[in-house]
Every structure is written in C-alpha cells, then in structure tokens.
C-alpha cells in the first residue's frame, strides 16, 4: 500500500491481521526466544572447583554427555600440564571425551585460517555429536571465536562451553554472544550470534599469562567503566598501578565487575544481537580493528582497544564537551596500566578513515559510533569531524615524538 495505513482486524486467535490492499493478509507476530546465560567464577576449575564444570555438562538423555575439547596452543605451551589436567577433569566428571583434548593455533591465526573451523566441523561429524552434545574451548578470545563459530553452525548449534584463559576474554568477549572468523581481509566478517551454554572465568588459568597479555585485557574494563560505571572507573584510576603489578585480589575484582557489566548489557540492554543502530560495547573499537590490521597484528587486540579508547576520549573532549580533566584521567589510567595510547601508525591518520566505513558496513545502516560526554554518559554520533579527530590524535602524541 502507498499513502494510506493498512486496515487491521483480529483473527480467531486474537492476532492482528493487516490487510495490504491487494487481497492478501500480513501477519506480524512478535515473539521471544528464551535464553539463559550461565556465567561462573572459580578460583581453580581444574582443582577444588572442578564440580562447577561438571554441573554445566548435563547428560544427553540416559547416556554420558559427549564432549569435544579444544585448547589454545598459547596457554598449552605456557603451562605444559594444562592439557593433561583438562582431560583428567573431564574424564573424572564422567563425560564421553571424544578424541582427547586437541590444540588449535592461538591468536588471530585461528580466525584467519579456515582449516580451524573445517577441522572442528569434521570432528563433530566424525564423533557423531548432536545438539545435546558439547564443544568445550579453552583459550583466548580469538580461539573462543573460531571454535565457537564452528559449534554454532554445526547442526544449527551445539552447546558451547567457554573457558577463557586471558584477562581480555574473561573481562569482555568470553561472556559475549558473538562468534566470528575473519574473511575477505576483514575482521569478524563471517560469524553468528549464539548464546554460549556456559562460561567459566577461572582465576588460576591467568597465572601463566605474560605481563603484556595480562594487562591487555583491562582496556575492555576501562571501556565498559566509561560507558556504564563511574564507580568502576574510580576504582581503576586509583588501583591501576596494583593491576599492572598483578595484584590478584584487585585484578580479579575488576575482571568480575567488567564481565558482569558486559553480561548485564547483553541480557538486559534490549539489543543482544545488535539489530539496532548503536553498538555501545564497541566504544573505541572502530579504530582499534583498523589498527590491528594495519599493524599486521603486532598490536594485541587489547592494546589496539586502548589506543582506540584514547582516540575516542580525546575526540569526545574536542567535540562533545567531555571535560579535559576526565580525558586526562582516562589517558593516565591507561598509561598506568602500561597500555599504549599512541602508536607510530597514527603519524598518518589517513588510513584510519577506512576503518569508519568498515565499521558502518559491518553494523549496517548509517554510521553510528558511541562517544562519551562524561563517565557513564554515552552518546551516539553519526558523523566524524575530520579536523577534530586529527586534533584529538595530535593531542595523544608523546612529547618528543
């Protein structure tokens, strides 16, 4: 119909029927799919807390649950006992462990290499897994993404259990509902939205991280604090030095709060599968994704996010009225965490502009970026002032560079 509203009536089932003016009826029926997100925090999931894992692996009918298990080769190399301990815990829990615990390449290599997803799919088929079976993946965010993507598309979805082994994945992506691999030279081009069956954030698995990888995850905590929690931001600013020195108690508290803020946004924010224009949890990410690629992944994801946050906070001060003292407090916090706020790639900010179009196309519709007017006061913008962005980037340049 053009230029007039469709007539409506109620059918015998109480549904609204819209007559389209051409002899046919249109049925618009809203419905919701029940989902449950099961997030667990443990001190030692392979030791005294192992029953937490067992309770997530429900039997499939009368038989023991089938489990395919994969581990990131990074933490497996850093801790030679990891594969043995994971295998032993699963077998002790009475599951049918199919083929032992296999390793997959860590980092972005797992998302660039299509053979990783193909291998997981082949394993699922060979071992006869079904929708009541489990794929368990232990590793950093990239490995969780790649293995999780395979689990999401096999039989239209197997039960995925994540054991994130980095601060980055525990504080952010591990509790998310997205899986993806890279394609056509673009990050996360091919992926799904799928709620994980369960996520276990275990403190003990973080001990084998390098200092660099340990602090990298806290950029996502800074991000979500700036969006949603002045209290968490104050905690970060006052305790950044303790986190950088790997104080277990302080670090665990920040990871927990960051994970819960991300979880709350996903489950109660009204847009878990990003159908709307805004994607606030990607604050600082439009440039971060571009910088990762431009650096040939020399920059860790968390390091690129730190630089992306610095850019967007400086831009928010230039254009949106964010107080200069708040901008400087954010930058000081990132630097105290030993995270970068500058990289030589910013000497020529021109290539960053392609990141804006990549971001718009990935989200769909018009460009929508989240910036902030104050801590806890995000705002959506639909265009970027190039001159203001260049001034923001220039502000970040270290003295003497």
Protein backbone atom coordinates (compact mmCIF):
# COMPACT_ATOMS: atom_id res chain seq x y z
CA UNK A 1 0.00 0.00 0.00
CA UNK A 2 1.15 3.52 -0.67
CA UNK A 3 -0.03 6.66 1.07
CA UNK A 4 -2.54 5.06 3.45
CA UNK A 5 -2.50 2.82 6.52
CA UNK A 6 -3.38 -0.83 6.15
CA UNK A 7 -6.73 -1.85 7.61
CA UNK A 8 -6.46 -4.18 10.56
CA UNK A 9 -8.66 -6.77 12.23
CA UNK A 10 -8.36 -9.51 14.83
CA UNK A 11 -8.48 -13.12 13.66
CA UNK A 12 -9.97 -16.03 15.61
CA UNK A 13 -6.69 -16.49 17.51
CA UNK A 14 -6.58 -12.88 18.65
CA UNK A 15 -3.72 -11.95 16.29
CA UNK A 16 -3.58 -8.65 14.47
CA UNK A 17 -4.08 -9.09 10.71
CA UNK A 18 -3.13 -6.26 8.38
CA UNK A 19 -4.85 -6.16 5.02
CA UNK A 20 -2.32 -4.98 2.42
CA UNK A 21 -4.87 -3.72 -0.10
CA UNK A 22 -4.14 -6.44 -2.65
CA UNK A 23 -6.29 -9.26 -1.38
CA UNK A 24 -3.70 -10.78 0.97
CA UNK A 25 -3.17 -10.65 4.72
CA UNK A 26 0.05 -9.84 6.58
CA UNK A 27 0.79 -11.37 9.98
CA UNK A 28 3.28 -9.53 12.18
CA UNK A 29 3.80 -11.64 15.30
CA UNK A 30 6.34 -10.65 17.91
CA UNK A 31 7.89 -13.47 19.91
CA UNK A 32 10.82 -14.02 22.23
CA UNK A 33 13.22 -16.94 22.41
CA UNK A 34 14.03 -17.99 25.99
CA UNK A 35 17.77 -17.91 26.66
CA UNK A 36 19.89 -18.43 29.73
CA UNK A 37 23.46 -17.20 30.10
CA UNK A 38 25.40 -19.25 32.67
CA UNK A 39 28.50 -17.41 33.91
CA UNK A 40 30.65 -18.89 36.65
CA UNK A 41 33.66 -17.54 38.55
CA UNK A 42 36.11 -20.05 40.01
CA UNK A 43 39.48 -19.97 41.75
CA UNK A 44 40.73 -23.32 40.39
CA UNK A 45 38.42 -25.08 37.94
CA UNK A 46 40.86 -27.95 37.46
CA UNK A 47 41.19 -28.45 41.21
CA UNK A 48 38.79 -27.78 44.04
CA UNK A 49 36.22 -26.08 41.80
CA UNK A 50 36.05 -28.82 39.14
CA UNK A 51 32.43 -29.66 40.02
CA UNK A 52 31.46 -26.27 38.58
CA UNK A 53 32.44 -27.60 35.17
CA UNK A 54 30.78 -30.97 35.71
CA UNK A 55 27.45 -29.35 36.62
CA UNK A 56 27.39 -27.50 33.28
CA UNK A 57 27.77 -30.74 31.31
CA UNK A 58 24.31 -32.24 31.62
CA UNK A 59 23.79 -35.81 30.36
CA UNK A 60 22.09 -36.18 26.98
CA UNK A 61 19.19 -38.44 27.93
CA UNK A 62 20.39 -41.69 29.56
CA UNK A 63 23.93 -41.51 28.20
CA UNK A 64 27.01 -39.60 29.31
CA UNK A 65 27.37 -36.24 27.60
CA UNK A 66 29.64 -36.20 24.56
CA UNK A 67 32.32 -33.51 24.72
CA UNK A 68 34.77 -32.30 22.10
CA UNK A 69 37.51 -30.26 23.78
CA UNK A 70 39.93 -27.78 22.24
CA UNK A 71 42.71 -25.74 23.80
CA UNK A 72 44.59 -22.68 22.56
CA UNK A 73 48.21 -23.68 21.89
CA UNK A 74 49.42 -20.50 23.62
CA UNK A 75 48.35 -21.35 27.18
CA UNK A 76 49.03 -25.03 26.45
CA UNK A 77 52.67 -24.15 25.72
CA UNK A 78 52.93 -21.78 28.69
CA UNK A 79 51.58 -24.46 31.04
CA UNK A 80 52.58 -27.97 29.86
CA UNK A 81 50.22 -29.54 32.42
CA UNK A 82 47.11 -27.78 31.11
CA UNK A 83 46.02 -30.38 28.55
CA UNK A 84 46.55 -33.24 30.98
CA UNK A 85 44.64 -31.52 33.76
CA UNK A 86 41.74 -30.55 31.49
CA UNK A 87 41.50 -34.09 30.12
CA UNK A 88 41.64 -35.61 33.61
CA UNK A 89 38.91 -33.33 34.98
CA UNK A 90 36.59 -34.11 32.08
CA UNK A 91 37.13 -37.85 32.34
CA UNK A 92 36.69 -37.74 36.12
CA UNK A 93 33.40 -35.94 35.56
CA UNK A 94 32.01 -38.93 33.68
CA UNK A 95 31.70 -37.39 30.22
CA UNK A 96 32.47 -39.12 26.94
CA UNK A 97 35.56 -37.19 25.87
CA UNK A 98 35.80 -37.61 22.12
CA UNK A 99 39.36 -37.79 20.85
CA UNK A 100 41.11 -36.24 23.85
CA UNK A 101 41.90 -32.53 24.14
CA UNK A 102 43.11 -31.08 20.82
CA UNK A 103 45.12 -27.90 20.37
CA UNK A 104 44.39 -25.13 17.87
CA UNK A 105 46.58 -22.18 16.85
CA UNK A 106 46.28 -19.22 19.20
CA UNK A 107 45.71 -15.58 18.36
CA UNK A 108 44.33 -14.18 15.12
CA UNK A 109 45.85 -17.11 13.20
CA UNK A 110 42.88 -19.19 14.32
CA UNK A 111 40.47 -16.68 12.79
CA UNK A 112 42.43 -16.24 9.57
CA UNK A 113 42.84 -19.95 8.82
CA UNK A 114 39.64 -21.58 7.53
CA UNK A 115 41.07 -25.03 8.30
CA UNK A 116 40.44 -24.44 12.03
CA UNK A 117 36.66 -24.24 11.56
CA UNK A 118 36.72 -27.04 9.00
CA UNK A 119 38.63 -29.29 11.40
CA UNK A 120 36.15 -28.71 14.25
CA UNK A 121 33.22 -29.39 11.94
CA UNK A 122 34.86 -32.60 10.73
CA UNK A 123 35.45 -33.68 14.34
CA UNK A 124 31.80 -33.02 15.20
CA UNK A 125 30.70 -35.16 12.28
CA UNK A 126 33.22 -37.97 12.90
CA UNK A 127 32.32 -38.35 16.57
CA UNK A 128 28.56 -38.12 15.98
CA UNK A 129 27.85 -35.09 18.15
CA UNK A 130 24.35 -33.65 18.18
CA UNK A 131 22.56 -30.62 19.64
CA UNK A 132 22.74 -32.06 23.16
CA UNK A 133 26.49 -32.55 22.89
CA UNK A 134 29.15 -30.07 23.97
CA UNK A 135 32.08 -28.27 22.43
CA UNK A 136 34.41 -27.03 25.15
CA UNK A 137 37.03 -24.45 24.22
CA UNK A 138 39.82 -23.24 26.49
CA UNK A 139 41.77 -20.24 25.25
CA UNK A 140 41.97 -16.60 24.33
CA UNK A 141 39.28 -14.61 22.59
CA UNK A 142 40.31 -15.45 19.02
CA UNK A 143 40.23 -19.20 19.67
CA UNK A 144 36.89 -18.88 21.51
CA UNK A 145 35.59 -17.06 18.43
CA UNK A 146 36.77 -19.59 15.83
CA UNK A 147 35.82 -22.78 17.68
CA UNK A 148 32.58 -21.15 18.85
CA UNK A 149 31.66 -20.29 15.26
CA UNK A 150 32.05 -23.93 14.23
CA UNK A 151 29.91 -25.05 17.19
CA UNK A 152 27.23 -22.50 16.28
CA UNK A 153 26.81 -23.65 12.68
CA UNK A 154 27.06 -27.42 13.19
CA UNK A 155 23.51 -28.85 13.31
CA UNK A 156 22.42 -25.20 13.73
CA UNK A 157 24.06 -25.06 17.13
CA UNK A 158 25.79 -27.31 19.67
CA UNK A 159 26.24 -26.42 23.33
CA UNK A 160 29.37 -24.29 23.69
CA UNK A 161 31.27 -24.07 26.99
CA UNK A 162 33.98 -21.42 27.15
CA UNK A 163 36.99 -21.38 29.47
CA UNK A 164 38.64 -18.02 28.71
CA UNK A 165 42.36 -18.01 29.52
CA UNK A 166 43.12 -14.29 29.09
CA UNK A 167 42.08 -11.24 31.06
CA UNK A 168 40.71 -9.80 27.82
CA UNK A 169 38.39 -12.73 27.18
CA UNK A 170 37.32 -13.02 30.82
CA UNK A 171 36.52 -9.30 31.10
CA UNK A 172 34.75 -8.99 27.76
CA UNK A 173 34.47 -11.31 24.76
CA UNK A 174 34.22 -14.60 26.64
CA UNK A 175 30.85 -13.58 28.10
CA UNK A 176 29.55 -12.25 24.78
CA UNK A 177 27.09 -13.87 22.38
CA UNK A 178 29.14 -13.46 19.22
CA UNK A 179 31.36 -15.85 17.28
CA UNK A 180 33.28 -14.99 14.14
CA UNK A 181 36.23 -15.57 11.84
CA UNK A 182 37.97 -13.18 9.50
CA UNK A 183 37.23 -13.22 5.77
CA UNK A 184 37.97 -11.03 2.76
CA UNK A 185 40.68 -9.33 4.78
CA UNK A 186 38.10 -8.04 7.26
CA UNK A 187 37.88 -8.79 10.97
CA UNK A 188 34.84 -10.80 12.08
CA UNK A 189 33.24 -10.72 8.62
CA UNK A 190 31.78 -14.22 8.95
CA UNK A 191 30.03 -15.06 12.19
CA UNK A 192 26.92 -15.71 14.23
CA UNK A 193 25.10 -14.61 17.34
CA UNK A 194 24.83 -17.59 19.67
CA UNK A 195 24.41 -17.63 23.44
CA UNK A 196 27.07 -19.89 25.00
CA UNK A 197 25.83 -22.77 27.11
CA UNK A 198 28.23 -21.76 29.86
CA UNK A 199 31.27 -19.60 30.61
CA UNK A 200 33.75 -20.24 33.41
CA UNK A 201 36.08 -17.40 34.38
CA UNK A 202 38.82 -19.15 36.30
CA UNK A 203 41.47 -17.17 38.18
CA UNK A 204 44.16 -19.87 38.15
CA UNK A 205 44.43 -20.09 34.36
CA UNK A 206 45.55 -16.44 34.20
CA UNK A 207 48.78 -17.11 36.09
CA UNK A 208 50.68 -18.31 33.03
CA UNK A 209 49.97 -15.10 31.08
CA UNK A 210 52.84 -12.81 30.20
CA UNK A 211 52.72 -9.36 31.79
CA UNK A 212 51.90 -7.89 28.39
CA UNK A 213 48.91 -10.17 27.83
CA UNK A 214 47.76 -9.80 31.43
CA UNK A 215 47.39 -6.00 31.30
CA UNK A 216 45.99 -6.00 27.75
CA UNK A 217 42.61 -7.21 28.95
CA UNK A 218 42.00 -4.25 31.19
CA UNK A 219 41.41 -1.90 28.27
CA UNK A 220 37.97 -3.51 27.96
CA UNK A 221 37.35 -2.89 31.67
CA UNK A 222 38.21 0.79 31.15
CA UNK A 223 35.83 0.85 28.18
CA UNK A 224 32.80 -0.57 29.97
CA UNK A 225 33.51 1.58 33.04
CA UNK A 226 33.49 4.73 30.90
CA UNK A 227 30.17 3.68 29.39
CA UNK A 228 28.35 2.41 32.46
CA UNK A 229 30.08 2.72 35.81
CA UNK A 230 31.71 5.81 37.35
CA UNK A 231 32.33 3.63 40.41
CA UNK A 232 34.37 1.09 38.44
CA UNK A 233 36.23 3.89 36.68
CA UNK A 234 37.20 5.42 40.03
CA UNK A 235 38.43 2.03 41.15
CA UNK A 236 40.51 1.67 38.00
CA UNK A 237 42.05 5.12 38.29
CA UNK A 238 43.02 4.57 41.93
CA UNK A 239 44.26 0.99 41.55
CA UNK A 240 45.75 0.87 38.06
CA UNK A 241 49.25 0.52 39.50
CA UNK A 242 48.19 -2.54 41.53
CA UNK A 243 46.62 -4.15 38.46
CA UNK A 244 49.77 -3.51 36.43
CA UNK A 245 51.74 -5.21 39.21
CA UNK A 246 49.31 -8.17 39.04
CA UNK A 247 47.70 -7.87 42.42
CA UNK A 248 45.42 -10.93 42.37
CA UNK A 249 42.62 -9.59 44.53
CA UNK A 250 42.31 -6.20 42.83
CA UNK A 251 42.62 -7.66 39.34
CA UNK A 252 40.03 -10.37 40.00
CA UNK A 253 37.56 -7.80 41.31
CA UNK A 254 37.90 -5.62 38.23
CA UNK A 255 37.59 -8.58 35.85
CA UNK A 256 34.46 -9.72 37.69
CA UNK A 257 32.81 -6.29 37.57
CA UNK A 258 33.72 -5.81 33.91
CA UNK A 259 32.31 -9.21 32.98
CA UNK A 260 29.08 -8.55 34.88
CA UNK A 261 28.63 -5.13 33.25
CA UNK A 262 29.08 -6.71 29.82
CA UNK A 263 26.68 -9.51 30.75
CA UNK A 264 24.08 -7.06 32.04
CA UNK A 265 24.24 -5.07 28.82
CA UNK A 266 23.78 -8.20 26.71
CA UNK A 267 20.96 -9.70 28.74
CA UNK A 268 19.09 -6.57 29.80
CA UNK A 269 20.14 -3.91 27.30
CA UNK A 270 17.39 -4.71 24.83
CA UNK A 271 19.60 -5.47 21.81
CA UNK A 272 21.66 -8.65 22.40
CA UNK A 273 22.03 -9.41 18.70
CA UNK A 274 22.81 -5.83 17.62
CA UNK A 275 19.74 -5.29 15.44
CA UNK A 276 19.66 -1.57 16.25
CA UNK A 277 21.97 1.18 15.03
CA UNK A 278 24.03 1.62 18.16
CA UNK A 279 26.70 -0.80 19.31
CA UNK A 280 27.92 0.83 22.53
CA UNK A 281 30.17 -2.03 23.65
CA UNK A 282 32.31 -1.28 20.61
CA UNK A 283 33.29 2.12 22.02
CA UNK A 284 36.90 2.65 20.93
CA UNK A 285 36.79 -0.27 18.50
CA UNK A 286 36.23 1.37 15.13
CA UNK A 287 39.87 2.47 15.04
CA UNK A 288 41.14 -0.48 17.11
CA UNK A 289 40.09 -3.03 14.49
CA UNK A 290 41.72 -0.92 11.79
CA UNK A 291 44.94 -0.52 13.80
CA UNK A 292 45.17 -4.26 14.40
CA UNK A 293 45.15 -4.91 10.67
CA UNK A 294 47.46 -2.02 9.80
CA UNK A 295 49.99 -3.29 12.35
CA UNK A 296 49.91 -6.81 10.92
CA UNK A 297 48.60 -7.81 14.36
CA UNK A 298 51.75 -6.57 16.02
CA UNK A 299 49.31 -4.83 18.33
CA UNK A 300 47.32 -7.13 20.60
CA UNK A 301 43.56 -6.56 20.46
CA UNK A 302 43.56 -5.09 23.97
CA UNK A 303 46.42 -2.75 23.07
CA UNK A 304 44.61 -1.57 19.94
CA UNK A 305 41.45 -1.01 22.02
CA UNK A 306 43.49 1.09 24.46
CA UNK A 307 44.65 3.32 21.61
CA UNK A 308 41.11 3.39 20.21
CA UNK A 309 39.74 4.49 23.57
CA UNK A 310 42.39 7.20 23.78
CA UNK A 311 41.37 8.47 20.34
CA UNK A 312 37.65 8.48 21.11
CA UNK A 313 38.07 10.05 24.54
CA UNK A 314 40.27 12.79 23.08
CA UNK A 315 37.71 13.30 20.28
CA UNK A 316 34.90 13.45 22.85
CA UNK A 317 36.81 16.24 24.60
CA UNK A 318 37.32 18.07 21.29
CA UNK A 319 33.76 17.76 20.03
CA UNK A 320 31.28 16.64 22.69
CA UNK A 321 32.18 18.60 25.80
CA UNK A 322 33.94 15.86 27.75
CA UNK A 323 35.89 17.62 30.49
CA UNK A 324 39.62 17.92 29.84
CA UNK A 325 40.41 16.57 33.32
CA UNK A 326 38.31 13.46 32.60
CA UNK A 327 40.09 12.94 29.28
CA UNK A 328 43.45 13.22 31.01
CA UNK A 329 42.36 10.88 33.82
CA UNK A 330 41.45 8.22 31.24
CA UNK A 331 44.78 8.60 29.46
CA UNK A 332 46.69 8.48 32.75
CA UNK A 333 44.82 5.33 33.81
CA UNK A 334 45.61 3.55 30.54
CA UNK A 335 49.27 4.52 30.80
CA UNK A 336 49.50 3.44 34.44
CA UNK A 337 48.08 0.09 33.33
CA UNK A 338 51.07 0.03 30.94
CA UNK A 339 48.77 0.14 27.96
CA UNK A 340 49.57 2.21 24.85
CA UNK A 341 47.77 5.42 23.94
CA UNK A 342 49.91 6.04 20.86
CA UNK A 343 51.46 4.10 18.00
CA UNK A 344 53.58 5.21 15.08
CA UNK A 345 50.72 4.24 12.76
CA UNK A 346 48.99 7.42 13.95
CA UNK A 347 51.69 9.57 12.32
CA UNK A 348 49.48 9.33 9.25
CA UNK A 349 45.88 9.12 10.45
CA UNK A 350 44.52 8.97 6.90
CA UNK A 351 44.25 5.15 6.72
CA UNK A 352 42.09 5.19 9.86
CA UNK A 353 39.24 6.70 7.87
CA UNK A 354 38.73 3.44 6.02
CA UNK A 355 38.01 1.96 9.44
CA UNK A 356 34.91 4.14 9.70
CA UNK A 357 33.43 2.68 6.53
CA UNK A 358 34.36 -0.87 7.56
CA UNK A 359 32.58 -0.28 10.87
CA UNK A 360 29.47 1.16 9.21
CA UNK A 361 29.23 -1.72 6.75
CA UNK A 362 29.75 -4.33 9.46
CA UNK A 363 26.95 -2.84 11.58
CA UNK A 364 24.66 -1.92 8.69
CA UNK A 365 22.77 1.30 8.00
CA UNK A 366 24.23 4.69 8.74
CA UNK A 367 27.44 5.19 10.64
CA UNK A 368 26.83 5.09 14.39
CA UNK A 369 29.67 5.50 16.88
CA UNK A 370 29.43 5.68 20.65
CA UNK A 371 31.34 8.53 22.30
CA UNK A 372 31.01 9.96 25.81
CA UNK A 373 30.06 13.33 27.28
CA UNK A 374 31.08 12.14 30.74
CA UNK A 375 31.82 8.89 32.52
CA UNK A 376 28.56 6.94 32.44
CA UNK A 377 27.04 9.31 29.85
CA UNK A 378 27.48 7.78 26.36
CA UNK A 379 26.14 9.43 23.24
CA UNK A 380 25.71 8.17 19.67
CA UNK A 381 27.19 10.18 16.81
CA UNK A 382 26.62 9.63 13.10
CA UNK A 383 29.45 11.62 11.58
CA UNK A 384 33.04 12.39 12.48
CA UNK A 385 34.64 15.82 12.18
CA UNK A 386 37.96 15.08 10.47
CA UNK A 387 39.69 18.20 11.74
CA UNK A 388 38.60 17.50 15.31
CA UNK A 389 39.73 13.88 15.00
CA UNK A 390 43.14 14.98 13.75
CA UNK A 391 43.45 17.38 16.70
CA UNK A 392 42.48 14.57 19.06
CA UNK A 393 45.13 12.27 17.63
CA UNK A 394 47.73 15.03 17.78
CA UNK A 395 46.95 15.51 21.48
CA UNK A 396 47.92 11.90 22.09
CA UNK A 397 51.38 12.25 20.57
CA UNK A 398 54.03 11.70 23.25
CA UNK A 399 56.37 14.61 23.93
CA UNK A 400 59.39 14.42 21.71
CA UNK A 401 57.82 12.25 19.02
